[in-house]
N, C-alpha and C. Protein backbone atom coordinates (compact mmCIF):
# COMPACT_ATOMS: atom_id res chain seq x y z
N MET A 1 -56.26 -2.97 26.31
CA MET A 1 -55.28 -1.99 26.69
C MET A 1 -53.86 -2.59 26.65
N LYS A 2 -53.75 -3.86 27.11
CA LYS A 2 -52.44 -4.51 27.08
C LYS A 2 -51.93 -4.62 25.65
N ARG A 3 -52.83 -4.93 24.75
CA ARG A 3 -52.44 -5.11 23.34
C ARG A 3 -51.85 -3.81 22.79
N ILE A 4 -52.44 -2.68 23.09
CA ILE A 4 -51.93 -1.38 22.63
C ILE A 4 -50.55 -1.13 23.23
N ALA A 5 -50.38 -1.47 24.50
CA ALA A 5 -49.08 -1.28 25.17
C ALA A 5 -48.01 -2.14 24.50
N TYR A 6 -48.32 -3.39 24.16
CA TYR A 6 -47.37 -4.27 23.48
C TYR A 6 -47.01 -3.74 22.09
N ILE A 7 -48.01 -3.27 21.37
CA ILE A 7 -47.75 -2.72 20.02
C ILE A 7 -46.88 -1.48 20.13
N LEU A 8 -47.19 -0.61 21.07
CA LEU A 8 -46.40 0.61 21.27
C LEU A 8 -44.97 0.25 21.68
N PHE A 9 -44.82 -0.71 22.58
CA PHE A 9 -43.48 -1.14 23.00
C PHE A 9 -42.69 -1.70 21.81
N ALA A 10 -43.31 -2.54 21.00
CA ALA A 10 -42.64 -3.12 19.83
C ALA A 10 -42.23 -2.04 18.84
N PHE A 11 -43.09 -1.05 18.65
CA PHE A 11 -42.79 0.05 17.74
C PHE A 11 -41.60 0.86 18.24
N VAL A 12 -41.59 1.22 19.50
CA VAL A 12 -40.49 2.00 20.10
C VAL A 12 -39.19 1.19 20.04
N ALA A 13 -39.26 -0.10 20.36
CA ALA A 13 -38.06 -0.95 20.30
C ALA A 13 -37.51 -1.01 18.87
N ALA A 14 -38.38 -1.13 17.88
CA ALA A 14 -37.94 -1.19 16.48
C ALA A 14 -37.27 0.11 16.07
N ILE A 15 -37.85 1.24 16.45
CA ILE A 15 -37.27 2.55 16.12
C ILE A 15 -35.91 2.72 16.80
N MET A 16 -35.81 2.33 18.05
CA MET A 16 -34.53 2.46 18.77
C MET A 16 -33.47 1.56 18.16
N THR A 17 -33.83 0.37 17.73
CA THR A 17 -32.89 -0.55 17.11
C THR A 17 -32.35 0.01 15.80
N MET A 18 -33.22 0.60 15.01
CA MET A 18 -32.80 1.13 13.71
C MET A 18 -31.91 2.36 13.84
N THR A 19 -32.04 3.12 14.91
CA THR A 19 -31.26 4.36 15.05
C THR A 19 -30.18 4.26 16.11
N SER A 20 -29.97 3.11 16.69
CA SER A 20 -29.04 2.99 17.82
C SER A 20 -27.58 3.07 17.42
N CYS A 21 -27.24 2.71 16.22
CA CYS A 21 -25.83 2.72 15.83
C CYS A 21 -25.68 3.35 14.46
N ASP A 22 -24.93 4.44 14.40
CA ASP A 22 -24.72 5.10 13.12
C ASP A 22 -23.29 4.92 12.62
N LYS A 23 -22.57 3.95 13.15
CA LYS A 23 -21.20 3.69 12.72
C LYS A 23 -21.20 2.57 11.68
N TRP A 24 -21.21 2.95 10.43
CA TRP A 24 -21.22 2.00 9.33
C TRP A 24 -19.85 2.01 8.68
N ASP A 25 -19.49 0.92 8.02
CA ASP A 25 -18.24 0.89 7.27
C ASP A 25 -18.24 2.06 6.30
N CYS A 26 -17.11 2.75 6.23
CA CYS A 26 -17.06 3.95 5.40
C CYS A 26 -15.91 3.91 4.40
N ASN A 27 -15.17 2.82 4.34
CA ASN A 27 -13.98 2.76 3.49
C ASN A 27 -14.12 1.79 2.33
N GLY A 28 -15.33 1.38 2.02
CA GLY A 28 -15.57 0.48 0.89
C GLY A 28 -14.83 -0.83 1.04
N ASP A 29 -14.18 -1.27 -0.05
CA ASP A 29 -13.47 -2.56 -0.05
C ASP A 29 -12.30 -2.60 0.93
N LEU A 30 -11.79 -1.45 1.35
CA LEU A 30 -10.66 -1.42 2.28
C LEU A 30 -11.03 -1.97 3.65
N ASP A 31 -12.24 -1.70 4.11
CA ASP A 31 -12.63 -2.13 5.45
C ASP A 31 -12.55 -3.64 5.60
N GLY A 32 -12.04 -4.06 6.73
CA GLY A 32 -11.94 -5.48 7.04
C GLY A 32 -10.54 -5.87 7.45
N MET A 33 -10.31 -7.18 7.42
CA MET A 33 -9.04 -7.74 7.88
C MET A 33 -8.25 -8.27 6.68
N TRP A 34 -6.95 -7.96 6.68
CA TRP A 34 -6.07 -8.29 5.56
C TRP A 34 -4.82 -9.00 6.07
N GLN A 35 -4.36 -9.99 5.32
CA GLN A 35 -3.10 -10.66 5.63
C GLN A 35 -2.07 -10.27 4.58
N LEU A 36 -0.90 -9.85 5.03
CA LEU A 36 0.20 -9.54 4.12
C LEU A 36 0.71 -10.85 3.53
N THR A 37 0.71 -10.95 2.21
CA THR A 37 1.21 -12.17 1.56
C THR A 37 2.60 -11.97 0.98
N GLU A 38 2.94 -10.72 0.66
CA GLU A 38 4.28 -10.45 0.13
C GLU A 38 4.61 -8.97 0.29
N TRP A 39 5.85 -8.73 0.72
CA TRP A 39 6.36 -7.36 0.89
C TRP A 39 7.71 -7.33 0.21
N ARG A 40 7.83 -6.48 -0.80
CA ARG A 40 9.09 -6.36 -1.56
C ARG A 40 9.63 -4.94 -1.47
N ASP A 41 10.96 -4.83 -1.38
CA ASP A 41 11.58 -3.51 -1.35
C ASP A 41 11.73 -2.97 -2.77
N GLN A 42 12.33 -1.79 -2.89
CA GLN A 42 12.47 -1.13 -4.19
C GLN A 42 13.35 -1.91 -5.16
N ASP A 43 14.20 -2.81 -4.67
CA ASP A 43 15.05 -3.64 -5.53
C ASP A 43 14.42 -5.00 -5.81
N ASN A 44 13.16 -5.16 -5.44
CA ASN A 44 12.38 -6.37 -5.65
C ASN A 44 12.81 -7.54 -4.76
N ASN A 45 13.53 -7.25 -3.68
CA ASN A 45 13.90 -8.27 -2.70
C ASN A 45 12.75 -8.50 -1.74
N VAL A 46 12.47 -9.75 -1.41
CA VAL A 46 11.38 -10.09 -0.50
C VAL A 46 11.79 -9.73 0.93
N LYS A 47 10.95 -8.92 1.59
CA LYS A 47 11.18 -8.55 2.98
C LYS A 47 10.31 -9.36 3.94
N ALA A 48 9.13 -9.80 3.46
CA ALA A 48 8.23 -10.61 4.29
C ALA A 48 7.26 -11.35 3.38
N THR A 49 6.76 -12.47 3.90
CA THR A 49 5.74 -13.26 3.20
C THR A 49 4.62 -13.59 4.19
N LYS A 50 3.66 -14.38 3.75
CA LYS A 50 2.55 -14.73 4.64
C LYS A 50 3.02 -15.51 5.87
N GLU A 51 4.18 -16.18 5.77
CA GLU A 51 4.71 -16.92 6.92
C GLU A 51 5.12 -15.98 8.06
N ASP A 52 5.32 -14.70 7.75
CA ASP A 52 5.67 -13.72 8.79
C ASP A 52 4.46 -13.28 9.61
N MET A 53 3.26 -13.71 9.18
CA MET A 53 2.03 -13.49 9.95
C MET A 53 1.81 -12.01 10.32
N ILE A 54 1.81 -11.15 9.29
CA ILE A 54 1.54 -9.73 9.47
C ILE A 54 0.12 -9.46 9.00
N PHE A 55 -0.67 -8.79 9.84
CA PHE A 55 -2.07 -8.53 9.55
C PHE A 55 -2.40 -7.05 9.72
N TYR A 56 -3.24 -6.54 8.81
CA TYR A 56 -3.77 -5.19 8.89
C TYR A 56 -5.29 -5.32 9.06
N SER A 57 -5.87 -4.37 9.77
CA SER A 57 -7.32 -4.31 9.90
C SER A 57 -7.74 -2.85 9.80
N PHE A 58 -8.74 -2.58 8.96
CA PHE A 58 -9.23 -1.22 8.76
C PHE A 58 -10.71 -1.16 9.09
N GLN A 59 -11.10 -0.16 9.88
CA GLN A 59 -12.49 0.07 10.20
C GLN A 59 -12.65 1.52 10.63
N LEU A 60 -13.67 2.17 10.06
CA LEU A 60 -13.93 3.58 10.32
C LEU A 60 -12.65 4.38 10.07
N GLN A 61 -12.19 5.17 11.01
CA GLN A 61 -10.96 5.95 10.83
C GLN A 61 -9.81 5.35 11.64
N MET A 62 -9.82 4.02 11.78
CA MET A 62 -8.79 3.34 12.55
C MET A 62 -8.14 2.23 11.73
N ALA A 63 -6.85 2.03 11.99
CA ALA A 63 -6.11 0.91 11.41
C ALA A 63 -5.42 0.19 12.56
N SER A 64 -5.38 -1.13 12.48
CA SER A 64 -4.70 -1.93 13.48
C SER A 64 -3.70 -2.84 12.77
N PHE A 65 -2.58 -3.08 13.42
CA PHE A 65 -1.51 -3.89 12.84
C PHE A 65 -1.09 -4.94 13.86
N ARG A 66 -0.89 -6.16 13.35
CA ARG A 66 -0.50 -7.26 14.23
C ARG A 66 0.54 -8.12 13.53
N LYS A 67 1.56 -8.50 14.27
CA LYS A 67 2.58 -9.42 13.78
C LYS A 67 2.68 -10.54 14.79
N GLN A 68 2.41 -11.78 14.31
CA GLN A 68 2.39 -12.91 15.23
C GLN A 68 3.66 -13.74 15.21
N SER A 69 4.49 -13.59 14.20
CA SER A 69 5.73 -14.38 14.18
C SER A 69 6.79 -13.67 15.03
N GLY A 70 7.57 -14.45 15.76
CA GLY A 70 8.62 -13.88 16.60
C GLY A 70 8.06 -13.15 17.81
N GLY A 71 6.89 -13.51 18.27
CA GLY A 71 6.22 -12.80 19.36
C GLY A 71 4.90 -12.28 18.83
N ASP A 72 4.12 -11.68 19.68
CA ASP A 72 2.83 -11.15 19.25
C ASP A 72 2.84 -9.65 19.50
N TYR A 73 2.93 -8.88 18.42
CA TYR A 73 3.01 -7.43 18.51
C TYR A 73 1.74 -6.83 17.92
N TYR A 74 1.20 -5.81 18.59
CA TYR A 74 -0.06 -5.21 18.18
C TYR A 74 0.01 -3.70 18.42
N ILE A 75 -0.45 -2.94 17.44
CA ILE A 75 -0.50 -1.49 17.57
C ILE A 75 -1.63 -0.97 16.69
N SER A 76 -2.24 0.13 17.07
CA SER A 76 -3.30 0.71 16.26
C SER A 76 -2.93 2.15 15.91
N SER A 77 -3.66 2.72 14.97
CA SER A 77 -3.37 4.09 14.54
C SER A 77 -4.62 4.73 13.95
N MET A 78 -4.50 5.99 13.66
CA MET A 78 -5.54 6.71 12.95
C MET A 78 -5.37 6.45 11.45
N LEU A 79 -6.45 6.62 10.71
CA LEU A 79 -6.47 6.28 9.29
C LEU A 79 -7.20 7.36 8.51
N GLU A 80 -6.60 7.77 7.41
CA GLU A 80 -7.25 8.69 6.47
C GLU A 80 -7.24 8.01 5.11
N VAL A 81 -8.43 7.86 4.51
CA VAL A 81 -8.55 7.17 3.23
C VAL A 81 -8.96 8.17 2.16
N MET A 82 -8.20 8.21 1.08
CA MET A 82 -8.50 9.02 -0.09
C MET A 82 -8.68 8.07 -1.28
N PRO A 83 -9.22 8.52 -2.38
CA PRO A 83 -9.48 7.60 -3.50
C PRO A 83 -8.26 6.81 -3.98
N ASP A 84 -7.07 7.41 -3.93
CA ASP A 84 -5.89 6.73 -4.46
C ASP A 84 -4.81 6.47 -3.43
N GLN A 85 -5.05 6.82 -2.18
CA GLN A 85 -4.03 6.57 -1.16
C GLN A 85 -4.62 6.45 0.23
N ILE A 86 -3.79 5.87 1.11
CA ILE A 86 -4.12 5.69 2.53
C ILE A 86 -3.04 6.40 3.32
N ARG A 87 -3.44 7.10 4.38
CA ARG A 87 -2.45 7.72 5.26
C ARG A 87 -2.67 7.19 6.67
N ILE A 88 -1.59 6.65 7.24
CA ILE A 88 -1.58 6.13 8.60
C ILE A 88 -0.87 7.17 9.47
N TYR A 89 -1.45 7.49 10.63
CA TYR A 89 -0.81 8.47 11.51
C TYR A 89 -1.21 8.23 12.96
N ASN A 90 -0.47 8.81 13.87
CA ASN A 90 -0.71 8.69 15.31
C ASN A 90 -0.83 7.25 15.80
N PRO A 91 0.21 6.43 15.57
CA PRO A 91 0.14 5.08 16.13
C PRO A 91 0.09 5.15 17.66
N ALA A 92 -0.65 4.22 18.24
CA ALA A 92 -0.82 4.24 19.70
C ALA A 92 -0.89 2.83 20.25
N VAL A 93 -0.45 2.71 21.49
CA VAL A 93 -0.52 1.45 22.24
C VAL A 93 -1.41 1.70 23.44
N TYR A 94 -2.33 0.78 23.70
CA TYR A 94 -3.21 0.90 24.85
C TYR A 94 -2.43 0.60 26.13
N ARG A 95 -2.49 1.51 27.09
CA ARG A 95 -1.74 1.36 28.33
C ARG A 95 -2.62 1.02 29.53
N GLY A 96 -3.91 0.80 29.29
CA GLY A 96 -4.80 0.45 30.39
C GLY A 96 -5.50 1.66 30.97
N GLY A 97 -6.55 1.40 31.70
CA GLY A 97 -7.27 2.48 32.35
C GLY A 97 -7.89 3.48 31.37
N GLY A 98 -8.15 3.04 30.15
CA GLY A 98 -8.75 3.93 29.16
C GLY A 98 -7.76 4.89 28.52
N HIS A 99 -6.46 4.60 28.62
CA HIS A 99 -5.45 5.52 28.10
C HIS A 99 -4.58 4.87 27.03
N ASP A 100 -4.39 5.60 25.94
CA ASP A 100 -3.48 5.20 24.87
C ASP A 100 -2.22 6.03 24.98
N GLU A 101 -1.12 5.47 24.49
CA GLU A 101 0.14 6.20 24.45
C GLU A 101 0.58 6.31 23.00
N ILE A 102 0.67 7.54 22.50
CA ILE A 102 1.09 7.78 21.11
C ILE A 102 2.54 7.33 20.95
N GLN A 103 2.80 6.64 19.83
CA GLN A 103 4.13 6.11 19.53
C GLN A 103 4.74 6.83 18.33
N GLU A 104 6.01 6.65 18.12
CA GLU A 104 6.68 7.16 16.92
C GLU A 104 6.25 6.35 15.72
N MET A 105 6.22 6.95 14.54
CA MET A 105 5.86 6.23 13.32
C MET A 105 6.82 5.07 13.05
N SER A 106 8.05 5.18 13.51
CA SER A 106 9.04 4.12 13.29
C SER A 106 8.60 2.80 13.93
N LYS A 107 7.71 2.83 14.91
CA LYS A 107 7.21 1.60 15.54
C LYS A 107 6.42 0.75 14.56
N LEU A 108 5.93 1.35 13.47
CA LEU A 108 5.14 0.63 12.48
C LEU A 108 5.99 0.00 11.38
N ALA A 109 7.29 0.22 11.41
CA ALA A 109 8.18 -0.29 10.36
C ALA A 109 8.13 -1.81 10.26
N ILE A 110 7.97 -2.53 11.36
CA ILE A 110 7.96 -3.99 11.30
C ILE A 110 6.73 -4.53 10.58
N TYR A 111 5.73 -3.68 10.38
CA TYR A 111 4.51 -4.08 9.66
C TYR A 111 4.55 -3.64 8.19
N GLY A 112 5.60 -2.93 7.81
CA GLY A 112 5.70 -2.44 6.43
C GLY A 112 5.18 -1.04 6.22
N VAL A 113 4.78 -0.38 7.29
CA VAL A 113 4.27 0.99 7.17
C VAL A 113 5.46 1.95 7.08
N PRO A 114 5.49 2.79 6.03
CA PRO A 114 6.61 3.71 5.88
C PRO A 114 6.58 4.83 6.92
N GLU A 115 7.69 5.49 7.09
CA GLU A 115 7.82 6.58 8.07
C GLU A 115 6.81 7.70 7.83
N ASP A 116 6.51 7.98 6.55
CA ASP A 116 5.54 9.05 6.26
C ASP A 116 4.10 8.56 6.36
N GLY A 117 3.89 7.25 6.50
CA GLY A 117 2.57 6.67 6.68
C GLY A 117 1.70 6.63 5.44
N ILE A 118 2.27 6.93 4.27
CA ILE A 118 1.47 7.02 3.05
C ILE A 118 1.66 5.79 2.18
N PHE A 119 0.52 5.20 1.81
CA PHE A 119 0.47 4.09 0.85
C PHE A 119 -0.31 4.55 -0.35
N LYS A 120 0.19 4.29 -1.54
CA LYS A 120 -0.57 4.52 -2.76
C LYS A 120 -1.29 3.22 -3.09
N ILE A 121 -2.58 3.31 -3.37
CA ILE A 121 -3.38 2.13 -3.67
C ILE A 121 -3.17 1.76 -5.13
N GLN A 122 -2.60 0.57 -5.38
CA GLN A 122 -2.39 0.07 -6.73
C GLN A 122 -3.56 -0.80 -7.16
N VAL A 123 -3.99 -1.69 -6.24
CA VAL A 123 -5.12 -2.60 -6.49
C VAL A 123 -5.92 -2.66 -5.19
N LEU A 124 -7.25 -2.58 -5.31
CA LEU A 124 -8.11 -2.75 -4.15
C LEU A 124 -9.44 -3.33 -4.63
N THR A 125 -9.65 -4.62 -4.29
CA THR A 125 -10.91 -5.29 -4.59
C THR A 125 -11.44 -5.85 -3.28
N GLY A 126 -12.51 -6.57 -3.34
CA GLY A 126 -13.07 -7.19 -2.14
C GLY A 126 -12.21 -8.29 -1.56
N SER A 127 -11.20 -8.76 -2.32
CA SER A 127 -10.38 -9.87 -1.84
C SER A 127 -8.87 -9.65 -1.96
N ASN A 128 -8.44 -8.65 -2.72
CA ASN A 128 -7.00 -8.40 -2.92
C ASN A 128 -6.69 -6.92 -2.78
N MET A 129 -5.48 -6.65 -2.29
CA MET A 129 -5.02 -5.28 -2.16
C MET A 129 -3.52 -5.24 -2.43
N GLU A 130 -3.09 -4.24 -3.18
CA GLU A 130 -1.66 -4.00 -3.39
C GLU A 130 -1.40 -2.54 -3.11
N LEU A 131 -0.44 -2.28 -2.22
CA LEU A 131 -0.08 -0.93 -1.82
C LEU A 131 1.37 -0.67 -2.18
N LYS A 132 1.68 0.58 -2.50
CA LYS A 132 3.05 0.97 -2.80
C LYS A 132 3.41 2.18 -1.95
N THR A 133 4.62 2.19 -1.43
CA THR A 133 5.08 3.31 -0.61
C THR A 133 5.81 4.33 -1.50
N ASN A 134 6.10 5.50 -0.94
CA ASN A 134 6.86 6.51 -1.67
C ASN A 134 8.30 6.08 -1.92
N THR A 135 8.77 5.09 -1.17
CA THR A 135 10.11 4.55 -1.38
C THR A 135 10.09 3.34 -2.30
N GLU A 136 8.96 3.13 -3.00
CA GLU A 136 8.79 2.08 -4.01
C GLU A 136 8.76 0.66 -3.44
N GLU A 137 8.42 0.51 -2.17
CA GLU A 137 8.19 -0.83 -1.64
C GLU A 137 6.76 -1.22 -1.98
N THR A 138 6.55 -2.53 -2.21
CA THR A 138 5.24 -3.04 -2.60
C THR A 138 4.77 -4.05 -1.56
N LEU A 139 3.52 -3.88 -1.10
CA LEU A 139 2.92 -4.79 -0.15
C LEU A 139 1.65 -5.37 -0.78
N VAL A 140 1.54 -6.69 -0.77
CA VAL A 140 0.40 -7.39 -1.37
C VAL A 140 -0.34 -8.11 -0.25
N PHE A 141 -1.69 -8.02 -0.26
CA PHE A 141 -2.52 -8.58 0.80
C PHE A 141 -3.64 -9.40 0.22
N ARG A 142 -4.16 -10.29 1.06
CA ARG A 142 -5.42 -11.00 0.77
C ARG A 142 -6.37 -10.71 1.91
N LYS A 143 -7.64 -10.58 1.58
CA LYS A 143 -8.64 -10.36 2.63
C LYS A 143 -9.04 -11.69 3.21
N TYR A 144 -9.23 -11.73 4.51
CA TYR A 144 -9.68 -12.98 5.13
C TYR A 144 -10.82 -12.72 6.08
């Protein structure tokens, strides 16, 4: 009788493990952590390099941005991914107690995110990404 109970327990545990989490990566090569290696404006002037320590992270319908040079700044936002573009919207800062505070899009400017939040995907592989804004700025990343 004990043996049947153990087998039944193992079976139930296996079924629960397989169905316990349905949140899988949904953005293909975009999902993961990226370091900005170069940011150029429309006149091809360098605005930031990897020494500026700017990082993007994409997972599910969320994007997170972090800048470690000159202080440690962190903000997250909602994310919409289409085949040829990314849209960032509703940036928010966690205020504690389970509450976020929605911020203006301008708060994302230090990370290279344009006011409209739209990036056109120029290159996206498992290790490299190049994004272009509507104002013709170019951001180049490496996955880490």
